Amino acid sequence: MKHVKFDFLITKDKLPWLPVEVKLSEREPSPNFKIFMKQLNCSKGLQITNGEDYLKKHKIEDFEIIVASADRVLPYFV
C-alpha cells in the first residue's frame, strides 16, 4: 500500500480542522483529500501550488477543496 499523508494539518481546539497539501504545479486536488477527509472529519481542505494568482474551488463528495497559488493564500496565514 502506498504511504499517503498530508503535508500539514491545522487543528482547532486540538481537533483536525484544515488539511493542507503543497504541490509544485498540480492544480487538481490531491487524491489524499478523497481518501482522508471523512476520517479527519474536516469539511474543507487546501492545496497550495506554485504560480501566480490562481484560485479554484473543487467539490469532492461533501467536501470543498480550495486549490490556490501561494501568493493568493499565504498572506492569510501571517
N, C-alpha and C. Protein backbone atom coordinates (compact mmCIF):
# COMPACT_ATOMS: atom_id res chain seq x y z
N MET A 1 0.85 -1.19 0.00
CA MET A 1 0.00 0.00 0.00
C MET A 1 0.89 1.25 0.00
N LYS A 2 0.53 2.19 -0.83
CA LYS A 2 1.26 3.45 -0.92
C LYS A 2 1.06 4.28 0.34
N HIS A 3 2.14 4.89 0.83
CA HIS A 3 2.05 5.75 2.01
C HIS A 3 1.38 7.06 1.62
N VAL A 4 0.29 7.38 2.27
CA VAL A 4 -0.49 8.58 1.94
C VAL A 4 -0.54 9.48 3.16
N LYS A 5 -0.34 10.78 2.94
CA LYS A 5 -0.34 11.72 4.05
C LYS A 5 -0.65 13.12 3.52
N PHE A 6 -0.85 14.05 4.46
CA PHE A 6 -0.94 15.45 4.13
C PHE A 6 0.35 16.13 4.56
N ASP A 7 0.67 17.24 3.93
CA ASP A 7 1.88 17.97 4.30
C ASP A 7 1.71 18.68 5.64
N PHE A 8 0.50 19.22 5.87
CA PHE A 8 0.22 19.93 7.12
C PHE A 8 -1.22 19.63 7.54
N LEU A 9 -1.46 19.69 8.81
CA LEU A 9 -2.82 19.58 9.33
C LEU A 9 -2.97 20.67 10.39
N ILE A 10 -3.81 21.64 10.10
CA ILE A 10 -4.09 22.71 11.06
C ILE A 10 -5.21 22.24 11.97
N THR A 11 -5.02 22.42 13.27
CA THR A 11 -6.02 21.99 14.23
C THR A 11 -6.70 23.20 14.87
N LYS A 12 -7.87 22.94 15.39
CA LYS A 12 -8.63 23.96 16.12
C LYS A 12 -9.21 23.26 17.35
N ASP A 13 -8.94 23.78 18.52
CA ASP A 13 -9.36 23.14 19.77
C ASP A 13 -8.87 21.69 19.84
N LYS A 14 -7.65 21.47 19.36
CA LYS A 14 -6.97 20.17 19.38
C LYS A 14 -7.61 19.12 18.48
N LEU A 15 -8.47 19.54 17.56
CA LEU A 15 -9.10 18.63 16.61
C LEU A 15 -8.69 19.00 15.19
N PRO A 16 -8.63 18.02 14.26
CA PRO A 16 -8.31 18.34 12.87
C PRO A 16 -9.28 19.39 12.32
N TRP A 17 -8.73 20.39 11.64
CA TRP A 17 -9.57 21.46 11.12
C TRP A 17 -9.34 21.70 9.63
N LEU A 18 -8.07 21.76 9.18
CA LEU A 18 -7.79 22.05 7.78
C LEU A 18 -6.56 21.28 7.31
N PRO A 19 -6.78 20.22 6.51
CA PRO A 19 -5.63 19.53 5.91
C PRO A 19 -5.08 20.36 4.75
N VAL A 20 -3.75 20.42 4.65
CA VAL A 20 -3.10 21.24 3.63
C VAL A 20 -2.09 20.39 2.86
N GLU A 21 -2.20 20.41 1.56
CA GLU A 21 -1.24 19.79 0.66
C GLU A 21 -0.48 20.90 -0.05
N VAL A 22 0.79 20.67 -0.32
CA VAL A 22 1.60 21.63 -1.07
C VAL A 22 2.15 20.90 -2.29
N LYS A 23 1.87 21.44 -3.47
CA LYS A 23 2.31 20.82 -4.73
C LYS A 23 3.03 21.87 -5.57
N LEU A 24 3.97 21.40 -6.37
CA LEU A 24 4.72 22.30 -7.22
C LEU A 24 3.84 22.92 -8.30
N SER A 25 3.08 22.10 -9.01
CA SER A 25 2.32 22.66 -10.12
C SER A 25 0.94 22.03 -10.30
N GLU A 26 0.58 21.05 -9.50
CA GLU A 26 -0.70 20.36 -9.67
C GLU A 26 -1.87 21.24 -9.28
N ARG A 27 -2.82 21.38 -10.20
CA ARG A 27 -3.98 22.22 -9.93
C ARG A 27 -5.26 21.41 -9.75
N GLU A 28 -5.13 20.10 -9.80
CA GLU A 28 -6.25 19.22 -9.45
C GLU A 28 -6.00 18.73 -8.03
N PRO A 29 -7.04 18.64 -7.22
CA PRO A 29 -6.84 18.23 -5.83
C PRO A 29 -6.15 16.87 -5.72
N SER A 30 -5.27 16.76 -4.76
CA SER A 30 -4.57 15.51 -4.49
C SER A 30 -5.58 14.41 -4.15
N PRO A 31 -5.31 13.17 -4.56
CA PRO A 31 -6.18 12.05 -4.18
C PRO A 31 -6.25 11.85 -2.67
N ASN A 32 -5.29 12.38 -1.93
CA ASN A 32 -5.30 12.26 -0.47
C ASN A 32 -6.57 12.85 0.14
N PHE A 33 -7.10 13.90 -0.47
CA PHE A 33 -8.31 14.52 0.08
C PHE A 33 -9.47 13.54 0.07
N LYS A 34 -9.65 12.84 -1.03
CA LYS A 34 -10.76 11.89 -1.14
C LYS A 34 -10.59 10.75 -0.15
N ILE A 35 -9.36 10.37 0.10
CA ILE A 35 -9.09 9.25 1.00
C ILE A 35 -9.31 9.63 2.46
N PHE A 36 -8.88 10.82 2.86
CA PHE A 36 -8.81 11.14 4.29
C PHE A 36 -9.82 12.14 4.83
N MET A 37 -10.55 12.85 4.00
CA MET A 37 -11.43 13.89 4.52
C MET A 37 -12.48 13.34 5.50
N LYS A 38 -13.08 12.21 5.19
CA LYS A 38 -14.07 11.64 6.10
C LYS A 38 -13.43 11.23 7.42
N GLN A 39 -12.26 10.64 7.35
CA GLN A 39 -11.58 10.19 8.56
C GLN A 39 -11.21 11.36 9.47
N LEU A 40 -10.83 12.48 8.86
CA LEU A 40 -10.44 13.65 9.64
C LEU A 40 -11.63 14.46 10.13
N ASN A 41 -12.79 14.22 9.53
CA ASN A 41 -13.99 14.97 9.85
C ASN A 41 -13.81 16.47 9.59
N CYS A 42 -13.17 16.78 8.47
CA CYS A 42 -12.97 18.17 8.04
C CYS A 42 -13.86 18.43 6.83
N SER A 43 -14.46 19.59 6.76
CA SER A 43 -15.33 19.90 5.63
C SER A 43 -14.59 20.59 4.48
N LYS A 44 -13.40 21.15 4.79
CA LYS A 44 -12.63 21.87 3.77
C LYS A 44 -11.18 21.43 3.80
N GLY A 45 -10.54 21.56 2.64
CA GLY A 45 -9.12 21.29 2.52
C GLY A 45 -8.48 22.35 1.65
N LEU A 46 -7.17 22.46 1.74
CA LEU A 46 -6.43 23.48 0.99
C LEU A 46 -5.24 22.84 0.31
N GLN A 47 -5.09 23.12 -0.97
CA GLN A 47 -3.91 22.70 -1.71
C GLN A 47 -3.23 23.95 -2.24
N ILE A 48 -1.98 24.15 -1.82
CA ILE A 48 -1.21 25.32 -2.24
C ILE A 48 -0.30 24.90 -3.38
N THR A 49 -0.28 25.69 -4.43
CA THR A 49 0.52 25.36 -5.61
C THR A 49 1.37 26.55 -6.02
N ASN A 50 2.35 26.28 -6.82
CA ASN A 50 3.23 27.32 -7.34
C ASN A 50 2.49 28.10 -8.43
N GLY A 51 3.05 29.17 -8.87
CA GLY A 51 2.41 30.00 -9.89
C GLY A 51 1.89 31.28 -9.26
N GLU A 52 1.14 32.02 -10.05
CA GLU A 52 0.62 33.29 -9.56
C GLU A 52 -0.88 33.41 -9.81
N ASP A 53 -1.54 34.06 -8.87
CA ASP A 53 -2.93 34.48 -9.00
C ASP A 53 -3.87 33.36 -9.45
N TYR A 54 -3.80 32.22 -8.75
CA TYR A 54 -4.68 31.10 -9.09
C TYR A 54 -5.52 30.74 -7.87
N LEU A 55 -6.82 30.54 -8.10
CA LEU A 55 -7.73 30.13 -7.03
C LEU A 55 -8.91 29.42 -7.67
N LYS A 56 -9.16 28.19 -7.23
CA LYS A 56 -10.31 27.45 -7.74
C LYS A 56 -10.84 26.55 -6.64
N LYS A 57 -12.17 26.53 -6.49
CA LYS A 57 -12.83 25.65 -5.53
C LYS A 57 -13.25 24.37 -6.25
N HIS A 58 -13.02 23.25 -5.59
CA HIS A 58 -13.41 21.94 -6.11
C HIS A 58 -14.35 21.30 -5.11
N LYS A 59 -15.30 20.55 -5.59
CA LYS A 59 -16.22 19.80 -4.74
C LYS A 59 -15.89 18.32 -4.90
N ILE A 60 -15.54 17.67 -3.81
CA ILE A 60 -15.29 16.23 -3.81
C ILE A 60 -16.23 15.64 -2.77
N GLU A 61 -17.22 14.93 -3.26
CA GLU A 61 -18.29 14.41 -2.39
C GLU A 61 -18.88 15.58 -1.61
N ASP A 62 -18.84 15.53 -0.28
CA ASP A 62 -19.42 16.61 0.53
C ASP A 62 -18.38 17.62 0.99
N PHE A 63 -17.20 17.58 0.40
CA PHE A 63 -16.09 18.40 0.86
C PHE A 63 -15.71 19.45 -0.16
N GLU A 64 -15.23 20.58 0.33
CA GLU A 64 -14.76 21.66 -0.54
C GLU A 64 -13.24 21.74 -0.43
N ILE A 65 -12.57 21.62 -1.58
CA ILE A 65 -11.13 21.71 -1.63
C ILE A 65 -10.77 22.97 -2.41
N ILE A 66 -9.99 23.83 -1.81
CA ILE A 66 -9.54 25.04 -2.48
C ILE A 66 -8.11 24.81 -2.94
N VAL A 67 -7.90 24.99 -4.24
CA VAL A 67 -6.55 24.93 -4.81
C VAL A 67 -6.18 26.37 -5.14
N ALA A 68 -5.08 26.82 -4.56
CA ALA A 68 -4.71 28.23 -4.73
C ALA A 68 -3.19 28.37 -4.82
N SER A 69 -2.77 29.37 -5.57
CA SER A 69 -1.35 29.67 -5.63
C SER A 69 -0.91 30.28 -4.30
N ALA A 70 0.36 30.08 -3.99
CA ALA A 70 0.89 30.56 -2.71
C ALA A 70 0.67 32.06 -2.52
N ASP A 71 0.81 32.84 -3.60
CA ASP A 71 0.66 34.29 -3.45
C ASP A 71 -0.78 34.69 -3.08
N ARG A 72 -1.76 33.83 -3.39
CA ARG A 72 -3.15 34.12 -3.06
C ARG A 72 -3.51 33.73 -1.63
N VAL A 73 -2.87 32.69 -1.11
CA VAL A 73 -3.33 32.13 0.16
C VAL A 73 -2.42 32.40 1.34
N LEU A 74 -1.12 32.43 1.15
CA LEU A 74 -0.22 32.56 2.28
C LEU A 74 -0.35 33.88 3.06
N PRO A 75 -0.72 35.00 2.43
CA PRO A 75 -0.90 36.21 3.24
C PRO A 75 -1.96 36.08 4.34
N TYR A 76 -2.89 35.14 4.20
CA TYR A 76 -3.91 34.94 5.24
C TYR A 76 -3.35 34.26 6.49
N PHE A 77 -2.17 33.67 6.37
CA PHE A 77 -1.58 32.97 7.50
C PHE A 77 -0.55 33.84 8.25
N VAL A 78 -0.41 35.08 7.86
CA VAL A 78 0.57 35.96 8.52
C VAL A 78 -0.14 36.85 9.52
